[in-house]
Amino acid sequence: MPLQQIVLHPTVNNSIKYASTTVGRDKVYKAVQFFSRFLVWYFKRQGYDKTTIQRYNNLKSTLGISRKLMRFGKPVEHLQHATKALNEVDEITKFTTIAQQLGYATYLFWDTFVWAHNAGVYKFQQIKRINENAHRFWFIGLVFSIIHGLYKLYLNGYQHNFMRQVSKARFAESSEKSNVRSEAESLMKERKAVIIQLVQDVLDITIPATALGYLHLEDGLVGLAGFISSIMGIQSQWKKVNSTK
């Protein structure tokens, strides 16, 4: 039956697998949230009626509150990543990873209070300062994530050049060259993933940087940056969940 074919279609199965992950849902919510932020900015510039603007503003706010609740307990996960990074041999990788994860953990810690305030659970008098602290540590986490990504790109390029030299060596056997080619392909995949994450981080950092006054971007640009970053995150999570190569 057509209905059965639709319900049991592989794309539907993959979508269910994706939606069953917290990260997957968060990326979708984030995409809608920041596109709504862009639309609010656009509608204001175009002189749309207040009802339409308020509708999308409410959508943006509601999704923002929902995402904060979904991240409840997430700081512990980042603390675990920071603890595991203590075993890293490379000192730069260790430092940037720990700093990144501690930044994210602290950001989400403060963000929990922002959620409580916005959801009406408890009204904090110092909510402005709390919000600034959240954005500040988010910014710090992203800065170290970018540094970490750039360092990984450097290491990747160094390893790739080494593999290329080995593959061109006259004394290298055919079996060895085959292994080198395989490792080179793995390095290229890793490089692509690092670049994607770097682009996402650069786009995301405009959000806390603007909130803190480090950058002076219009809401529309910040909304688009967050939306594009979310779409990239959705694609990455989809591939991860559904093992798409």
C-alpha atoms as a PDB file:
ATOM      1  CA  MET A   1       0.000   0.000   0.000  1.00  0.00           C
ATOM      2  CA  PRO A   2       1.206   3.554  -0.735  1.00  0.00           C
ATOM      3  CA  LEU A   3       0.825   4.544   2.930  1.00  0.00           C
ATOM      4  CA  GLN A   4       2.999   1.642   4.066  1.00  0.00           C
ATOM      5  CA  GLN A   5       5.612   2.509   1.471  1.00  0.00           C
ATOM      6  CA  ILE A   6       5.721   6.071   2.741  1.00  0.00           C
ATOM      7  CA  VAL A   7       5.828   5.154   6.432  1.00  0.00           C
ATOM      8  CA  LEU A   8       8.475   2.467   5.931  1.00  0.00           C
ATOM      9  CA  HIS A   9      10.555   4.474   3.476  1.00  0.00           C
ATOM     10  CA  PRO A  10      14.283   4.578   4.382  1.00  0.00           C
ATOM     11  CA  THR A  11      14.195   8.375   4.520  1.00  0.00           C
ATOM     12  CA  VAL A  12      11.442   8.226   7.129  1.00  0.00           C
ATOM     13  CA  ASN A  13      13.451   5.693   9.139  1.00  0.00           C
ATOM     14  CA  ASN A  14      16.535   7.891   8.944  1.00  0.00           C
ATOM     15  CA  SER A  15      14.495  10.926   9.985  1.00  0.00           C
ATOM     16  CA  ILE A  16      13.165   9.079  13.027  1.00  0.00           C
ATOM     17  CA  LYS A  17      16.684   8.032  13.997  1.00  0.00           C
ATOM     18  CA  TYR A  18      17.837  11.625  13.624  1.00  0.00           C
ATOM     19  CA  ALA A  19      14.921  13.081  15.584  1.00  0.00           C
ATOM     20  CA  SER A  20      15.491  10.592  18.401  1.00  0.00           C
ATOM     21  CA  THR A  21      18.787  12.312  19.241  1.00  0.00           C
ATOM     22  CA  THR A  22      18.819  15.380  21.473  1.00  0.00           C
ATOM     23  CA  VAL A  23      21.527  16.985  19.347  1.00  0.00           C
ATOM     24  CA  GLY A  24      19.472  16.430  16.206  1.00  0.00           C
ATOM     25  CA  ARG A  25      16.378  18.084  17.634  1.00  0.00           C
ATOM     26  CA  ASP A  26      18.426  20.928  19.067  1.00  0.00           C
ATOM     27  CA  LYS A  27      19.951  21.708  15.662  1.00  0.00           C
ATOM     28  CA  VAL A  28      16.512  21.847  14.047  1.00  0.00           C
ATOM     29  CA  TYR A  29      15.164  24.068  16.826  1.00  0.00           C
ATOM     30  CA  LYS A  30      18.203  26.300  16.492  1.00  0.00           C
ATOM     31  CA  ALA A  31      17.712  26.628  12.731  1.00  0.00           C
ATOM     32  CA  VAL A  32      14.083  27.697  13.157  1.00  0.00           C
ATOM     33  CA  GLN A  33      14.960  29.977  16.073  1.00  0.00           C
ATOM     34  CA  PHE A  34      17.635  31.912  14.225  1.00  0.00           C
ATOM     35  CA  PHE A  35      15.713  32.042  10.972  1.00  0.00           C
ATOM     36  CA  SER A  36      12.870  33.543  13.000  1.00  0.00           C
ATOM     37  CA  ARG A  37      15.349  36.054  14.372  1.00  0.00           C
ATOM     38  CA  PHE A  38      16.288  36.980  10.824  1.00  0.00           C
ATOM     39  CA  LEU A  39      12.626  37.261   9.818  1.00  0.00           C
ATOM     40  CA  VAL A  40      11.840  39.543  12.765  1.00  0.00           C
ATOM     41  CA  TRP A  41      14.673  41.840  11.678  1.00  0.00           C
ATOM     42  CA  TYR A  42      13.561  41.698   8.039  1.00  0.00           C
ATOM     43  CA  PHE A  43       9.889  42.314   8.803  1.00  0.00           C
ATOM     44  CA  LYS A  44      10.751  45.332  10.944  1.00  0.00           C
ATOM     45  CA  ARG A  45      12.807  46.827   8.124  1.00  0.00           C
ATOM     46  CA  GLN A  46      10.018  46.181   5.639  1.00  0.00           C
ATOM     47  CA  GLY A  47       7.378  47.729   7.876  1.00  0.00           C
ATOM     48  CA  TYR A  48       5.283  44.620   8.496  1.00  0.00           C
ATOM     49  CA  ASP A  49       2.467  44.812  11.018  1.00  0.00           C
ATOM     50  CA  LYS A  50       3.272  44.291  14.684  1.00  0.00           C
ATOM     51  CA  THR A  51       1.160  41.135  14.907  1.00  0.00           C
ATOM     52  CA  THR A  52       3.271  39.318  12.313  1.00  0.00           C
ATOM     53  CA  ILE A  53       6.499  40.501  13.892  1.00  0.00           C
ATOM     54  CA  GLN A  54       5.351  39.462  17.362  1.00  0.00           C
ATOM     55  CA  ARG A  55       4.345  36.019  16.091  1.00  0.00           C
ATOM     56  CA  TYR A  56       7.866  35.232  14.920  1.00  0.00           C
ATOM     57  CA  ASN A  57       9.383  36.931  17.937  1.00  0.00           C
ATOM     58  CA  ASN A  58       7.353  34.619  20.171  1.00  0.00           C
ATOM     59  CA  LEU A  59       8.464  31.619  18.115  1.00  0.00           C
ATOM     60  CA  LYS A  60      12.089  32.663  18.510  1.00  0.00           C
ATOM     61  CA  SER A  61      11.726  33.126  22.266  1.00  0.00           C
ATOM     62  CA  THR A  62       9.827  29.877  22.798  1.00  0.00           C
ATOM     63  CA  LEU A  63      12.390  27.833  20.893  1.00  0.00           C
ATOM     64  CA  GLY A  64      15.189  29.553  22.787  1.00  0.00           C
ATOM     65  CA  ILE A  65      13.644  28.542  26.113  1.00  0.00           C
ATOM     66  CA  SER A  66      13.036  24.995  24.860  1.00  0.00           C
ATOM     67  CA  ARG A  67      16.646  24.608  23.743  1.00  0.00           C
ATOM     68  CA  LYS A  68      17.938  25.794  27.101  1.00  0.00           C
ATOM     69  CA  LEU A  69      15.816  23.173  28.852  1.00  0.00           C
ATOM     70  CA  MET A  70      17.025  20.449  26.467  1.00  0.00           C
ATOM     71  CA  ARG A  71      20.603  21.278  27.435  1.00  0.00           C
ATOM     72  CA  PHE A  72      19.916  20.786  31.130  1.00  0.00           C
ATOM     73  CA  GLY A  73      22.671  18.576  32.545  1.00  0.00           C
ATOM     74  CA  LYS A  74      24.873  19.147  29.504  1.00  0.00           C
ATOM     75  CA  PRO A  75      27.634  20.821  31.579  1.00  0.00           C
ATOM     76  CA  VAL A  76      28.464  17.428  33.097  1.00  0.00           C
ATOM     77  CA  GLU A  77      29.088  16.006  29.630  1.00  0.00           C
ATOM     78  CA  HIS A  78      31.507  18.822  28.836  1.00  0.00           C
ATOM     79  CA  LEU A  79      33.272  18.301  32.157  1.00  0.00           C
ATOM     80  CA  GLN A  80      33.705  14.641  31.230  1.00  0.00           C
ATOM     81  CA  HIS A  81      35.264  15.645  27.908  1.00  0.00           C
ATOM     82  CA  ALA A  82      37.596  18.023  29.744  1.00  0.00           C
ATOM     83  CA  THR A  83      38.613  15.259  32.148  1.00  0.00           C
ATOM     84  CA  LYS A  84      39.312  12.824  29.308  1.00  0.00           C
ATOM     85  CA  ALA A  85      41.447  15.470  27.610  1.00  0.00           C
ATOM     86  CA  LEU A  86      43.878  15.281  30.532  1.00  0.00           C
ATOM     87  CA  ASN A  87      45.178  12.075  28.945  1.00  0.00           C
ATOM     88  CA  GLU A  88      46.096  13.839  25.700  1.00  0.00           C
ATOM     89  CA  VAL A  89      49.796  13.593  24.896  1.00  0.00           C
ATOM     90  CA  ASP A  90      49.918  16.731  22.771  1.00  0.00           C
ATOM     91  CA  GLU A  91      50.038  19.701  25.149  1.00  0.00           C
ATOM     92  CA  ILE A  92      48.365  22.154  22.777  1.00  0.00           C
ATOM     93  CA  THR A  93      45.530  19.744  22.052  1.00  0.00           C
ATOM     94  CA  LYS A  94      45.146  19.092  25.768  1.00  0.00           C
ATOM     95  CA  PHE A  95      45.066  22.775  26.715  1.00  0.00           C
ATOM     96  CA  THR A  96      42.696  23.922  23.970  1.00  0.00           C
ATOM     97  CA  THR A  97      40.323  21.002  24.520  1.00  0.00           C
ATOM     98  CA  ILE A  98      40.151  21.521  28.282  1.00  0.00           C
ATOM     99  CA  ALA A  99      39.684  25.280  27.900  1.00  0.00           C
ATOM    100  CA  GLN A 100      37.012  24.757  25.253  1.00  0.00           C
ATOM    101  CA  GLN A 101      35.061  22.213  27.293  1.00  0.00           C
ATOM    102  CA  LEU A 102      35.300  24.214  30.523  1.00  0.00           C
ATOM    103  CA  GLY A 103      34.094  27.277  28.636  1.00  0.00           C
ATOM    104  CA  TYR A 104      31.078  25.399  27.309  1.00  0.00           C
ATOM    105  CA  ALA A 105      30.340  23.828  30.703  1.00  0.00           C
ATOM    106  CA  THR A 106      30.411  27.194  32.464  1.00  0.00           C
ATOM    107  CA  TYR A 107      28.324  28.795  29.727  1.00  0.00           C
ATOM    108  CA  LEU A 108      25.636  26.144  30.081  1.00  0.00           C
ATOM    109  CA  PHE A 109      25.763  26.443  33.871  1.00  0.00           C
ATOM    110  CA  TRP A 110      24.874  30.140  33.669  1.00  0.00           C
ATOM    111  CA  ASP A 111      22.435  29.466  30.841  1.00  0.00           C
ATOM    112  CA  THR A 112      20.393  27.282  33.186  1.00  0.00           C
ATOM    113  CA  PHE A 113      19.671  30.345  35.320  1.00  0.00           C
ATOM    114  CA  VAL A 114      18.738  32.277  32.185  1.00  0.00           C
ATOM    115  CA  TRP A 115      16.242  29.531  31.346  1.00  0.00           C
ATOM    116  CA  ALA A 116      14.772  29.631  34.868  1.00  0.00           C
ATOM    117  CA  HIS A 117      14.332  33.395  34.577  1.00  0.00           C
ATOM    118  CA  ASN A 118      12.839  33.384  31.069  1.00  0.00           C
ATOM    119  CA  ALA A 119      10.547  30.456  31.865  1.00  0.00           C
ATOM    120  CA  GLY A 120       9.251  32.268  34.939  1.00  0.00           C
ATOM    121  CA  VAL A 121      10.510  29.643  37.382  1.00  0.00           C
ATOM    122  CA  TYR A 122      12.421  32.283  39.315  1.00  0.00           C
ATOM    123  CA  LYS A 123      13.105  35.908  38.507  1.00  0.00           C
ATOM    124  CA  PHE A 124      16.696  36.967  39.111  1.00  0.00           C
ATOM    125  CA  GLN A 125      17.442  40.624  39.748  1.00  0.00           C
ATOM    126  CA  GLN A 126      20.914  40.205  38.258  1.00  0.00           C
ATOM    127  CA  ILE A 127      19.656  38.479  35.103  1.00  0.00           C
ATOM    128  CA  LYS A 128      21.538  40.902  32.842  1.00  0.00           C
ATOM    129  CA  ARG A 129      24.836  39.996  34.490  1.00  0.00           C
ATOM    130  CA  ILE A 130      23.962  36.293  34.429  1.00  0.00           C
ATOM    131  CA  ASN A 131      23.184  36.507  30.724  1.00  0.00           C
ATOM    132  CA  GLU A 132      26.471  38.311  30.093  1.00  0.00           C
ATOM    133  CA  ASN A 133      28.369  35.607  31.974  1.00  0.00           C
ATOM    134  CA  ALA A 134      26.699  32.928  29.862  1.00  0.00           C
ATOM    135  CA  HIS A 135      27.601  34.680  26.625  1.00  0.00           C
ATOM    136  CA  ARG A 136      31.133  35.421  27.833  1.00  0.00           C
ATOM    137  CA  PHE A 137      31.930  31.782  28.566  1.00  0.00           C
ATOM    138  CA  TRP A 138      30.245  30.679  25.345  1.00  0.00           C
ATOM    139  CA  PHE A 139      32.533  33.106  23.542  1.00  0.00           C
ATOM    140  CA  ILE A 140      35.579  31.740  25.388  1.00  0.00           C
ATOM    141  CA  GLY A 141      34.621  28.164  24.535  1.00  0.00           C
ATOM    142  CA  LEU A 142      34.241  29.047  20.866  1.00  0.00           C
ATOM    143  CA  VAL A 143      37.561  30.912  20.781  1.00  0.00           C
ATOM    144  CA  PHE A 144      39.406  27.857  22.057  1.00  0.00           C
ATOM    145  CA  SER A 145      37.395  25.621  19.741  1.00  0.00           C
ATOM    146  CA  ILE A 146      38.584  27.731  16.798  1.00  0.00           C
ATOM    147  CA  ILE A 147      42.191  27.612  18.031  1.00  0.00           C
ATOM    148  CA  HIS A 148      41.869  23.854  18.485  1.00  0.00           C
ATOM    149  CA  GLY A 149      40.485  23.495  14.962  1.00  0.00           C
ATOM    150  CA  LEU A 150      43.274  25.568  13.427  1.00  0.00           C
ATOM    151  CA  TYR A 151      45.861  23.480  15.243  1.00  0.00           C
ATOM    152  CA  LYS A 152      44.235  20.268  14.010  1.00  0.00           C
ATOM    153  CA  LEU A 153      44.364  21.654  10.478  1.00  0.00           C
ATOM    154  CA  TYR A 154      48.071  22.344  10.924  1.00  0.00           C
ATOM    155  CA  LEU A 155      48.728  18.801  12.167  1.00  0.00           C
ATOM    156  CA  ASN A 156      46.589  17.354   9.412  1.00  0.00           C
ATOM    157  CA  GLY A 157      48.504  19.258   6.741  1.00  0.00           C
ATOM    158  CA  TYR A 158      51.834  18.172   8.188  1.00  0.00           C
ATOM    159  CA  GLN A 159      50.778  14.512   8.254  1.00  0.00           C
ATOM    160  CA  HIS A 160      49.340  14.723   4.750  1.00  0.00           C
ATOM    161  CA  ASN A 161      52.584  16.152   3.357  1.00  0.00           C
ATOM    162  CA  PHE A 162      54.539  13.396   5.078  1.00  0.00           C
ATOM    163  CA  MET A 163      52.284  10.737   3.560  1.00  0.00           C
ATOM    164  CA  ARG A 164      52.702  12.300   0.132  1.00  0.00           C
ATOM    165  CA  GLN A 165      56.486  12.167   0.418  1.00  0.00           C
ATOM    166  CA  VAL A 166      56.375   8.527   1.507  1.00  0.00           C
ATOM    167  CA  SER A 167      54.099   7.567  -1.379  1.00  0.00           C
ATOM    168  CA  LYS A 168      56.500   9.180  -3.859  1.00  0.00           C
ATOM    169  CA  ALA A 169      59.560   7.479  -2.432  1.00  0.00           C
ATOM    170  CA  ARG A 170      61.168   5.098  -4.908  1.00  0.00           C
ATOM    171  CA  PHE A 171      61.955   2.505  -2.273  1.00  0.00           C
ATOM    172  CA  ALA A 172      58.353   2.269  -1.077  1.00  0.00           C
ATOM    173  CA  GLU A 173      56.690  -1.032  -1.875  1.00  0.00           C
ATOM    174  CA  SER A 174      53.324  -1.201  -3.608  1.00  0.00           C
ATOM    175  CA  SER A 175      51.578  -2.554  -0.486  1.00  0.00           C
ATOM    176  CA  GLU A 176      53.043   0.254   1.581  1.00  0.00           C
ATOM    177  CA  LYS A 177      51.922   2.823  -0.969  1.00  0.00           C
ATOM    178  CA  SER A 178      48.418   1.369  -0.795  1.00  0.00           C
ATOM    179  CA  ASN A 179      48.366   1.824   2.981  1.00  0.00           C
ATOM    180  CA  VAL A 180      49.668   5.353   2.602  1.00  0.00           C
ATOM    181  CA  ARG A 181      46.912   6.208   0.127  1.00  0.00           C
ATOM    182  CA  SER A 182      44.326   4.842   2.541  1.00  0.00           C
ATOM    183  CA  GLU A 183      45.719   6.937   5.382  1.00  0.00           C
ATOM    184  CA  ALA A 184      45.854   9.982   3.117  1.00  0.00           C
ATOM    185  CA  GLU A 185      42.161   9.568   2.314  1.00  0.00           C
ATOM    186  CA  SER A 186      41.386   9.356   6.025  1.00  0.00           C
ATOM    187  CA  LEU A 187      43.345  12.548   6.602  1.00  0.00           C
ATOM    188  CA  MET A 188      41.383  14.314   3.875  1.00  0.00           C
ATOM    189  CA  LYS A 189      38.087  13.263   5.468  1.00  0.00           C
ATOM    190  CA  GLU A 190      39.334  14.464   8.830  1.00  0.00           C
ATOM    191  CA  ARG A 191      40.425  17.762   7.279  1.00  0.00           C
ATOM    192  CA  LYS A 192      36.994  18.266   5.741  1.00  0.00           C
ATOM    193  CA  ALA A 193      35.290  17.626   9.097  1.00  0.00           C
ATOM    194  CA  VAL A 194      37.621  20.066  10.868  1.00  0.00           C
ATOM    195  CA  ILE A 195      36.973  22.786   8.283  1.00  0.00           C
ATOM    196  CA  ILE A 196      33.210  22.322   8.601  1.00  0.00           C
ATOM    197  CA  GLN A 197      33.448  22.634  12.379  1.00  0.00           C
ATOM    198  CA  LEU A 198      35.651  25.710  12.038  1.00  0.00           C
ATOM    199  CA  VAL A 199      33.133  27.421   9.782  1.00  0.00           C
ATOM    200  CA  GLN A 200      30.357  26.611  12.254  1.00  0.00           C
ATOM    201  CA  ASP A 201      32.395  28.014  15.132  1.00  0.00           C
ATOM    202  CA  VAL A 202      33.179  31.219  13.243  1.00  0.00           C
ATOM    203  CA  LEU A 203      29.495  31.674  12.438  1.00  0.00           C
ATOM    204  CA  ASP A 204      28.409  30.838  15.987  1.00  0.00           C
ATOM    205  CA  ILE A 205      30.892  33.164  17.639  1.00  0.00           C
ATOM    206  CA  THR A 206      29.096  36.134  16.084  1.00  0.00           C
ATOM    207  CA  ILE A 207      26.177  35.423  18.449  1.00  0.00           C
ATOM    208  CA  PRO A 208      27.909  35.899  21.831  1.00  0.00           C
ATOM    209  CA  ALA A 209      30.325  38.454  20.361  1.00  0.00           C
ATOM    210  CA  THR A 210      27.398  40.635  19.291  1.00  0.00           C
ATOM    211  CA  ALA A 211      25.557  40.118  22.579  1.00  0.00           C
ATOM    212  CA  LEU A 212      28.668  41.206  24.499  1.00  0.00           C
ATOM    213  CA  GLY A 213      29.270  44.211  22.260  1.00  0.00           C
ATOM    214  CA  TYR A 214      32.521  42.897  20.784  1.00  0.00           C
ATOM    215  CA  LEU A 215      30.906  43.017  17.351  1.00  0.00           C
ATOM    216  CA  HIS A 216      28.205  45.375  16.166  1.00  0.00           C
ATOM    217  CA  LEU A 217      26.185  43.258  13.772  1.00  0.00           C
ATOM    218  CA  GLU A 218      22.539  43.690  12.945  1.00  0.00           C
ATOM    219  CA  ASP A 219      20.110  41.057  14.164  1.00  0.00           C
ATOM    220  CA  GLY A 220      19.505  39.901  10.612  1.00  0.00           C
ATOM    221  CA  LEU A 221      23.158  38.989  10.073  1.00  0.00           C
ATOM    222  CA  VAL A 222      23.365  37.216  13.416  1.00  0.00           C
ATOM    223  CA  GLY A 223      20.171  35.354  12.584  1.00  0.00           C
ATOM    224  CA  LEU A 224      21.540  34.227   9.226  1.00  0.00           C
ATOM    225  CA  ALA A 225      24.850  33.192  10.792  1.00  0.00           C
ATOM    226  CA  GLY A 226      23.045  31.075  13.372  1.00  0.00           C
ATOM    227  CA  PHE A 227      20.754  29.603  10.720  1.00  0.00           C
ATOM    228  CA  ILE A 228      23.604  28.605   8.382  1.00  0.00           C
ATOM    229  CA  SER A 229      25.559  27.124  11.278  1.00  0.00           C
ATOM    230  CA  SER A 230      22.478  25.130  12.281  1.00  0.00           C
ATOM    231  CA  ILE A 231      21.984  23.728   8.779  1.00  0.00           C
ATOM    232  CA  MET A 232      25.626  22.636   8.731  1.00  0.00           C
ATOM    233  CA  GLY A 233      25.129  21.040  12.138  1.00  0.00           C
ATOM    234  CA  ILE A 234      22.014  19.243  10.924  1.00  0.00           C
ATOM    235  CA  GLN A 235      23.928  17.794   7.978  1.00  0.00           C
ATOM    236  CA  SER A 236      26.801  16.635  10.192  1.00  0.00           C
ATOM    237  CA  GLN A 237      24.476  15.059  12.745  1.00  0.00           C
ATOM    238  CA  TRP A 238      22.440  13.378   9.996  1.00  0.00           C
ATOM    239  CA  LYS A 239      25.583  11.771   8.578  1.00  0.00           C
ATOM    240  CA  LYS A 240      26.719  10.734  12.036  1.00  0.00           C
ATOM    241  CA  VAL A 241      23.401   9.145  12.997  1.00  0.00           C
ATOM    242  CA  ASN A 242      22.736   7.472   9.670  1.00  0.00           C
ATOM    243  CA  SER A 243      26.356   6.575   8.895  1.00  0.00           C
ATOM    244  CA  THR A 244      26.301   8.405   5.570  1.00  0.00           C
ATOM    245  CA  LYS A 245      29.726   8.618   3.984  1.00  0.00           C
END
